[in-house]
């Protein structure tokens, strides 16, 4: 996710602060240091339902292999254009996360990923 530039470090830090230190998060929000703090994110039932349906379809595909193209690891749907994109990236052999599958999906372990990895 880092190599594909999908994860925003700042947003991840804010979400962690909200989870681990709600008072500190609220203070930063009042000071306007939190991304999108003043903009509500309304739930749009049509789009959230479609995304849920896409995931159920992907689950069924992974169980039954009905799609000839295989399973989707990353799919981006542009609702306003009616198209899907399948972004991909080459594995970065220098990235400690890409190179070692033992780290995949381990973002919330303590210490975060691995203290010896350093910063990105």
Protein backbone atom coordinates (compact mmCIF):
# COMPACT_ATOMS: atom_id res chain seq x y z
CA UNK A 1 0.00 0.00 0.00
CA UNK A 2 2.89 2.36 0.64
CA UNK A 3 4.63 1.56 -2.64
CA UNK A 4 1.39 2.04 -4.55
CA UNK A 5 1.03 5.38 -2.75
CA UNK A 6 -2.43 4.41 -1.52
CA UNK A 7 -1.71 5.04 2.15
CA UNK A 8 -1.43 8.65 3.22
CA UNK A 9 1.05 8.81 6.11
CA UNK A 10 -0.57 11.92 7.60
CA UNK A 11 -4.07 10.48 7.49
CA UNK A 12 -2.86 7.20 9.00
CA UNK A 13 -1.22 9.18 11.82
CA UNK A 14 -4.48 11.09 12.40
CA UNK A 15 -6.53 7.89 12.49
CA UNK A 16 -4.08 6.33 14.93
CA UNK A 17 -4.26 9.44 17.14
CA UNK A 18 -8.06 9.32 17.06
CA UNK A 19 -7.97 5.67 18.14
CA UNK A 20 -5.24 5.94 20.78
CA UNK A 21 -5.62 9.51 22.08
CA UNK A 22 -9.12 10.88 21.39
CA UNK A 23 -8.50 14.02 23.45
CA UNK A 24 -5.33 14.82 21.52
CA UNK A 25 -7.18 14.20 18.27
CA UNK A 26 -10.02 16.54 19.29
CA UNK A 27 -7.50 19.23 20.26
CA UNK A 28 -5.78 18.95 16.85
CA UNK A 29 -9.19 19.02 15.16
CA UNK A 30 -10.13 22.24 16.98
CA UNK A 31 -6.82 23.75 15.88
CA UNK A 32 -7.62 22.70 12.25
CA UNK A 33 -4.67 20.32 12.03
CA UNK A 34 -6.81 17.32 11.06
CA UNK A 35 -7.51 16.61 7.41
CA UNK A 36 -11.13 17.14 6.36
CA UNK A 37 -12.08 18.02 9.94
CA UNK A 38 -14.80 20.44 8.93
CA UNK A 39 -16.25 18.49 6.03
CA UNK A 40 -18.85 15.85 6.79
CA UNK A 41 -18.63 12.64 4.76
CA UNK A 42 -22.23 11.71 4.06
CA UNK A 43 -23.05 8.09 3.40
CA UNK A 44 -24.43 7.70 -0.08
CA UNK A 45 -26.46 4.51 -0.02
CA UNK A 46 -26.20 3.86 -3.76
CA UNK A 47 -22.41 3.89 -3.79
CA UNK A 48 -21.87 2.10 -0.50
CA UNK A 49 -24.27 -0.64 -1.60
CA UNK A 50 -22.46 -1.01 -4.92
CA UNK A 51 -19.08 -1.29 -3.20
CA UNK A 52 -20.47 -3.95 -0.84
CA UNK A 53 -21.89 -5.82 -3.84
CA UNK A 54 -18.51 -5.65 -5.59
CA UNK A 55 -16.82 -7.24 -2.57
CA UNK A 56 -19.43 -10.01 -2.31
CA UNK A 57 -18.96 -10.72 -6.02
CA UNK A 58 -15.20 -10.89 -5.49
CA UNK A 59 -15.67 -13.31 -2.58
CA UNK A 60 -17.87 -15.55 -4.73
CA UNK A 61 -15.28 -15.36 -7.51
CA UNK A 62 -12.51 -16.41 -5.14
CA UNK A 63 -14.57 -19.36 -3.96
CA UNK A 64 -15.81 -20.51 -7.37
CA UNK A 65 -13.32 -18.92 -9.84
CA UNK A 66 -16.12 -17.87 -12.21
CA UNK A 67 -14.19 -14.89 -13.66
CA UNK A 68 -11.77 -15.78 -16.41
CA UNK A 69 -9.56 -12.82 -15.45
CA UNK A 70 -8.92 -14.18 -11.95
CA UNK A 71 -9.34 -12.39 -8.64
CA UNK A 72 -8.90 -8.67 -8.03
CA UNK A 73 -6.27 -7.54 -5.55
CA UNK A 74 -6.99 -3.86 -6.13
CA UNK A 75 -9.87 -2.38 -8.06
CA UNK A 76 -10.70 1.31 -8.33
CA UNK A 77 -14.19 2.20 -9.52
CA UNK A 78 -14.82 5.66 -10.93
CA UNK A 79 -18.56 5.90 -10.36
CA UNK A 80 -18.95 9.18 -12.26
CA UNK A 81 -17.27 7.71 -15.35
CA UNK A 82 -18.67 4.19 -15.13
CA UNK A 83 -15.24 2.56 -15.42
CA UNK A 84 -13.02 0.34 -13.32
CA UNK A 85 -9.23 0.43 -13.17
CA UNK A 86 -6.89 -2.20 -11.88
CA UNK A 87 -3.78 -0.31 -10.77
CA UNK A 88 -0.68 -2.33 -10.25
CA UNK A 89 2.89 -1.77 -9.33
CA UNK A 90 6.02 -3.81 -9.50
CA UNK A 91 7.20 -5.23 -6.22
CA UNK A 92 9.82 -2.96 -4.73
CA UNK A 93 12.55 -5.33 -3.58
CA UNK A 94 14.07 -2.59 -1.40
CA UNK A 95 10.80 -2.05 0.49
CA UNK A 96 10.87 -4.15 3.66
CA UNK A 97 7.10 -4.62 3.53
CA UNK A 98 6.84 -5.62 -0.14
CA UNK A 99 9.82 -7.91 0.11
CA UNK A 100 8.59 -9.87 3.15
CA UNK A 101 5.03 -11.25 3.09
CA UNK A 102 5.23 -11.76 6.86
CA UNK A 103 4.62 -8.00 7.21
CA UNK A 104 1.56 -7.88 4.96
CA UNK A 105 -1.55 -6.93 6.96
CA UNK A 106 0.40 -6.37 10.18
CA UNK A 107 0.04 -2.57 10.47
CA UNK A 108 -1.61 -2.56 13.89
CA UNK A 109 0.89 -4.74 15.75
CA UNK A 110 2.97 -3.24 18.51
CA UNK A 111 5.53 -2.00 17.74
CA UNK A 112 4.12 -0.73 14.43
CA UNK A 113 5.28 -3.24 11.83
CA UNK A 114 8.86 -3.56 13.06
CA UNK A 115 10.97 -1.10 14.97
CA UNK A 116 14.04 -2.14 12.95
CA UNK A 117 12.54 -1.20 9.57
CA UNK A 118 13.19 2.49 10.01
CA UNK A 119 11.11 5.13 8.27
CA UNK A 120 9.96 5.36 4.70
